[in-house]
């Protein structure tokens, strides 16, 4: 019973995404997984001002809505 509860808490914490003012913020690792890119590519996107980000101390986070907006703006429909 306690082991199941501990596993459940660990699962929740692992998948927890902080929400501030209704906005979900993602870590660099989350963005890499979402976009299927490497950490180096993510760094290049920051350097090239492709992805907006927030830096607090040494921590960099990304607004989920900013990521979705960039994806929508760059969406290209391929016609076959």
N, C-alpha and C. Protein backbone atom coordinates (compact mmCIF):
# COMPACT_ATOMS: atom_id res chain seq x y z
N UNK A 1 0.82 -1.19 0.00
CA UNK A 1 0.00 0.00 0.00
C UNK A 1 0.86 1.25 0.00
N UNK A 2 1.82 1.34 0.93
CA UNK A 2 2.69 2.51 1.01
C UNK A 2 3.59 2.60 -0.22
N UNK A 3 4.03 1.46 -0.68
CA UNK A 3 4.89 1.43 -1.88
C UNK A 3 4.11 1.94 -3.10
N UNK A 4 2.85 1.56 -3.23
CA UNK A 4 2.01 2.03 -4.34
C UNK A 4 1.81 3.54 -4.25
N UNK A 5 1.57 4.02 -3.05
CA UNK A 5 1.38 5.45 -2.85
C UNK A 5 2.66 6.21 -3.20
N UNK A 6 3.79 5.69 -2.77
CA UNK A 6 5.07 6.32 -3.08
C UNK A 6 5.32 6.35 -4.58
N UNK A 7 5.03 5.25 -5.26
CA UNK A 7 5.19 5.20 -6.71
C UNK A 7 4.28 6.20 -7.41
N UNK A 8 3.06 6.33 -6.91
CA UNK A 8 2.10 7.28 -7.50
C UNK A 8 2.58 8.71 -7.31
N UNK A 9 3.08 9.04 -6.13
CA UNK A 9 3.59 10.39 -5.86
C UNK A 9 4.79 10.69 -6.75
N UNK A 10 5.69 9.73 -6.89
CA UNK A 10 6.86 9.91 -7.76
C UNK A 10 6.43 10.14 -9.20
N UNK A 11 5.41 9.43 -9.66
CA UNK A 11 4.90 9.59 -11.02
C UNK A 11 4.31 10.99 -11.21
N UNK A 12 3.55 11.45 -10.24
CA UNK A 12 2.95 12.78 -10.32
C UNK A 12 4.03 13.85 -10.37
N UNK A 13 5.02 13.74 -9.50
CA UNK A 13 6.09 14.73 -9.46
C UNK A 13 6.92 14.73 -10.75
N UNK A 14 7.12 13.56 -11.32
CA UNK A 14 7.89 13.45 -12.55
C UNK A 14 7.18 14.16 -13.70
N UNK A 15 5.86 14.10 -13.74
CA UNK A 15 5.09 14.69 -14.83
C UNK A 15 4.49 16.04 -14.50
N UNK A 16 4.84 16.60 -13.35
CA UNK A 16 4.28 17.87 -12.92
C UNK A 16 4.81 19.02 -13.76
N UNK A 17 3.93 19.89 -14.21
CA UNK A 17 4.30 21.09 -14.95
C UNK A 17 3.75 22.29 -14.20
N UNK A 18 4.64 23.20 -13.77
CA UNK A 18 4.15 24.35 -13.00
C UNK A 18 3.24 25.24 -13.81
N UNK A 19 2.19 25.75 -13.17
CA UNK A 19 1.23 26.65 -13.80
C UNK A 19 1.27 27.96 -13.04
N UNK A 20 1.49 29.05 -13.77
CA UNK A 20 1.46 30.38 -13.18
C UNK A 20 0.56 31.25 -14.04
N UNK A 21 -0.42 31.85 -13.43
CA UNK A 21 -1.40 32.68 -14.15
C UNK A 21 -2.02 31.92 -15.32
N UNK A 22 -2.28 30.65 -15.13
CA UNK A 22 -2.92 29.85 -16.16
C UNK A 22 -1.99 29.39 -17.27
N UNK A 23 -0.72 29.73 -17.18
CA UNK A 23 0.26 29.38 -18.21
C UNK A 23 1.11 28.20 -17.74
N UNK A 24 1.31 27.24 -18.62
CA UNK A 24 2.16 26.09 -18.31
C UNK A 24 3.57 26.38 -18.83
N UNK A 25 4.56 26.14 -17.98
CA UNK A 25 5.95 26.35 -18.33
C UNK A 25 6.66 25.01 -18.46
N UNK A 26 7.50 24.91 -19.46
CA UNK A 26 8.21 23.66 -19.75
C UNK A 26 9.71 23.84 -19.55
N UNK A 27 10.35 22.78 -19.12
CA UNK A 27 11.80 22.78 -19.00
C UNK A 27 12.40 22.55 -20.39
N UNK A 28 13.71 22.74 -20.50
CA UNK A 28 14.40 22.47 -21.75
C UNK A 28 14.25 21.00 -22.16
N UNK A 29 14.32 20.13 -21.17
CA UNK A 29 14.15 18.69 -21.44
C UNK A 29 12.77 18.40 -22.02
N UNK A 30 11.75 19.05 -21.45
CA UNK A 30 10.39 18.87 -21.95
C UNK A 30 10.27 19.33 -23.41
N UNK A 31 10.87 20.49 -23.71
CA UNK A 31 10.81 21.04 -25.07
C UNK A 31 11.54 20.13 -26.04
N UNK A 32 12.70 19.62 -25.64
CA UNK A 32 13.45 18.70 -26.50
C UNK A 32 12.61 17.46 -26.83
N UNK A 33 11.96 16.91 -25.83
CA UNK A 33 11.12 15.74 -26.06
C UNK A 33 9.93 16.09 -26.96
N UNK A 34 9.32 17.23 -26.70
CA UNK A 34 8.14 17.65 -27.47
C UNK A 34 8.47 17.85 -28.95
N UNK A 35 9.61 18.49 -29.21
CA UNK A 35 9.99 18.81 -30.58
C UNK A 35 10.92 17.78 -31.22
N UNK A 36 11.32 16.76 -30.44
CA UNK A 36 12.24 15.73 -30.93
C UNK A 36 13.54 16.36 -31.43
N UNK A 37 14.13 17.20 -30.58
CA UNK A 37 15.39 17.86 -30.91
C UNK A 37 16.39 17.62 -29.78
N UNK A 38 17.65 17.90 -30.07
CA UNK A 38 18.70 17.74 -29.06
C UNK A 38 18.80 19.02 -28.22
N UNK A 39 19.52 18.92 -27.11
CA UNK A 39 19.75 20.09 -26.27
C UNK A 39 20.54 21.15 -27.03
N UNK A 40 21.45 20.71 -27.87
CA UNK A 40 22.25 21.65 -28.67
C UNK A 40 21.37 22.40 -29.67
N UNK A 41 20.44 21.71 -30.30
CA UNK A 41 19.52 22.36 -31.23
C UNK A 41 18.65 23.37 -30.50
N UNK A 42 18.20 23.01 -29.32
CA UNK A 42 17.40 23.93 -28.51
C UNK A 42 18.22 25.18 -28.18
N UNK A 43 19.48 24.99 -27.83
CA UNK A 43 20.37 26.13 -27.57
C UNK A 43 20.50 27.01 -28.81
N UNK A 44 20.62 26.40 -29.98
CA UNK A 44 20.73 27.16 -31.23
C UNK A 44 19.44 27.94 -31.50
N UNK A 45 18.29 27.34 -31.22
CA UNK A 45 17.01 28.04 -31.40
C UNK A 45 16.95 29.27 -30.48
N UNK A 46 17.48 29.15 -29.27
CA UNK A 46 17.52 30.30 -28.36
C UNK A 46 18.46 31.36 -28.91
N UNK A 47 19.65 30.94 -29.32
CA UNK A 47 20.66 31.87 -29.86
C UNK A 47 20.14 32.61 -31.09
N UNK A 48 19.38 31.93 -31.93
CA UNK A 48 18.84 32.51 -33.17
C UNK A 48 17.50 33.22 -32.96
N UNK A 49 17.07 33.33 -31.70
CA UNK A 49 15.80 33.96 -31.35
C UNK A 49 14.61 33.31 -32.04
N UNK A 50 14.68 32.00 -32.22
CA UNK A 50 13.56 31.25 -32.80
C UNK A 50 12.54 30.94 -31.72
N UNK A 51 13.02 30.54 -30.55
CA UNK A 51 12.13 30.21 -29.43
C UNK A 51 12.30 31.21 -28.30
N UNK A 52 11.21 31.86 -27.89
CA UNK A 52 11.30 32.73 -26.72
C UNK A 52 11.46 31.90 -25.45
N UNK A 53 12.14 32.47 -24.47
CA UNK A 53 12.37 31.76 -23.22
C UNK A 53 12.48 32.75 -22.08
N UNK A 54 12.40 32.21 -20.87
CA UNK A 54 12.54 33.01 -19.66
C UNK A 54 13.71 32.40 -18.88
N UNK A 55 14.62 33.26 -18.44
CA UNK A 55 15.73 32.77 -17.64
C UNK A 55 15.63 33.37 -16.25
N UNK A 56 15.56 32.49 -15.27
CA UNK A 56 15.50 32.90 -13.87
C UNK A 56 16.70 32.26 -13.19
N UNK A 57 17.66 33.09 -12.84
CA UNK A 57 18.90 32.54 -12.32
C UNK A 57 19.55 31.71 -13.41
N UNK A 58 19.90 30.49 -13.12
CA UNK A 58 20.48 29.61 -14.12
C UNK A 58 19.46 28.71 -14.80
N UNK A 59 18.19 28.86 -14.46
CA UNK A 59 17.13 27.99 -14.99
C UNK A 59 16.44 28.66 -16.17
N UNK A 60 16.28 27.93 -17.27
CA UNK A 60 15.59 28.42 -18.46
C UNK A 60 14.30 27.63 -18.60
N UNK A 61 13.20 28.37 -18.78
CA UNK A 61 11.90 27.74 -18.98
C UNK A 61 11.23 28.36 -20.21
N UNK A 62 10.25 27.65 -20.73
CA UNK A 62 9.57 28.05 -21.96
C UNK A 62 8.06 28.00 -21.73
N UNK A 63 7.34 29.01 -22.22
CA UNK A 63 5.89 28.99 -22.15
C UNK A 63 5.37 27.99 -23.18
N UNK A 64 4.48 27.14 -22.74
CA UNK A 64 3.89 26.16 -23.66
C UNK A 64 3.18 26.86 -24.81
N UNK A 65 2.49 27.96 -24.52
CA UNK A 65 1.76 28.67 -25.59
C UNK A 65 2.72 29.27 -26.61
N UNK A 66 3.92 29.71 -26.18
CA UNK A 66 4.91 30.24 -27.13
C UNK A 66 5.37 29.14 -28.07
N UNK A 67 5.59 27.96 -27.54
CA UNK A 67 6.02 26.83 -28.38
C UNK A 67 4.94 26.50 -29.40
N UNK A 68 3.69 26.44 -28.95
CA UNK A 68 2.59 26.12 -29.85
C UNK A 68 2.41 27.20 -30.92
N UNK A 69 2.58 28.46 -30.55
CA UNK A 69 2.46 29.56 -31.50
C UNK A 69 3.53 29.45 -32.59
N UNK A 70 4.76 29.18 -32.20
CA UNK A 70 5.85 29.03 -33.17
C UNK A 70 5.56 27.88 -34.12
N UNK A 71 5.06 26.77 -33.59
CA UNK A 71 4.72 25.62 -34.44
C UNK A 71 3.61 25.98 -35.42
N UNK A 72 2.60 26.68 -34.95
CA UNK A 72 1.48 27.06 -35.84
C UNK A 72 1.94 28.04 -36.91
N UNK A 73 2.79 29.00 -36.55
CA UNK A 73 3.27 30.00 -37.51
C UNK A 73 4.13 29.37 -38.60
N UNK A 74 4.78 28.28 -38.27
CA UNK A 74 5.69 27.65 -39.22
C UNK A 74 5.12 26.38 -39.85
N UNK A 75 3.84 26.15 -39.64
CA UNK A 75 3.19 24.97 -40.19
C UNK A 75 3.09 25.11 -41.72
N UNK A 76 3.46 24.07 -42.40
CA UNK A 76 3.39 24.06 -43.85
C UNK A 76 2.65 22.80 -44.28
N UNK A 77 1.55 22.99 -44.96
CA UNK A 77 0.78 21.85 -45.44
C UNK A 77 1.37 21.37 -46.77
N UNK A 78 1.68 20.10 -46.82
CA UNK A 78 2.24 19.52 -48.03
C UNK A 78 1.10 18.93 -48.85
N UNK A 79 1.00 19.40 -50.08
CA UNK A 79 -0.06 18.90 -50.97
C UNK A 79 0.53 17.85 -51.89
N UNK A 80 -0.12 16.71 -51.92
CA UNK A 80 0.38 15.60 -52.74
C UNK A 80 -0.44 15.50 -53.99
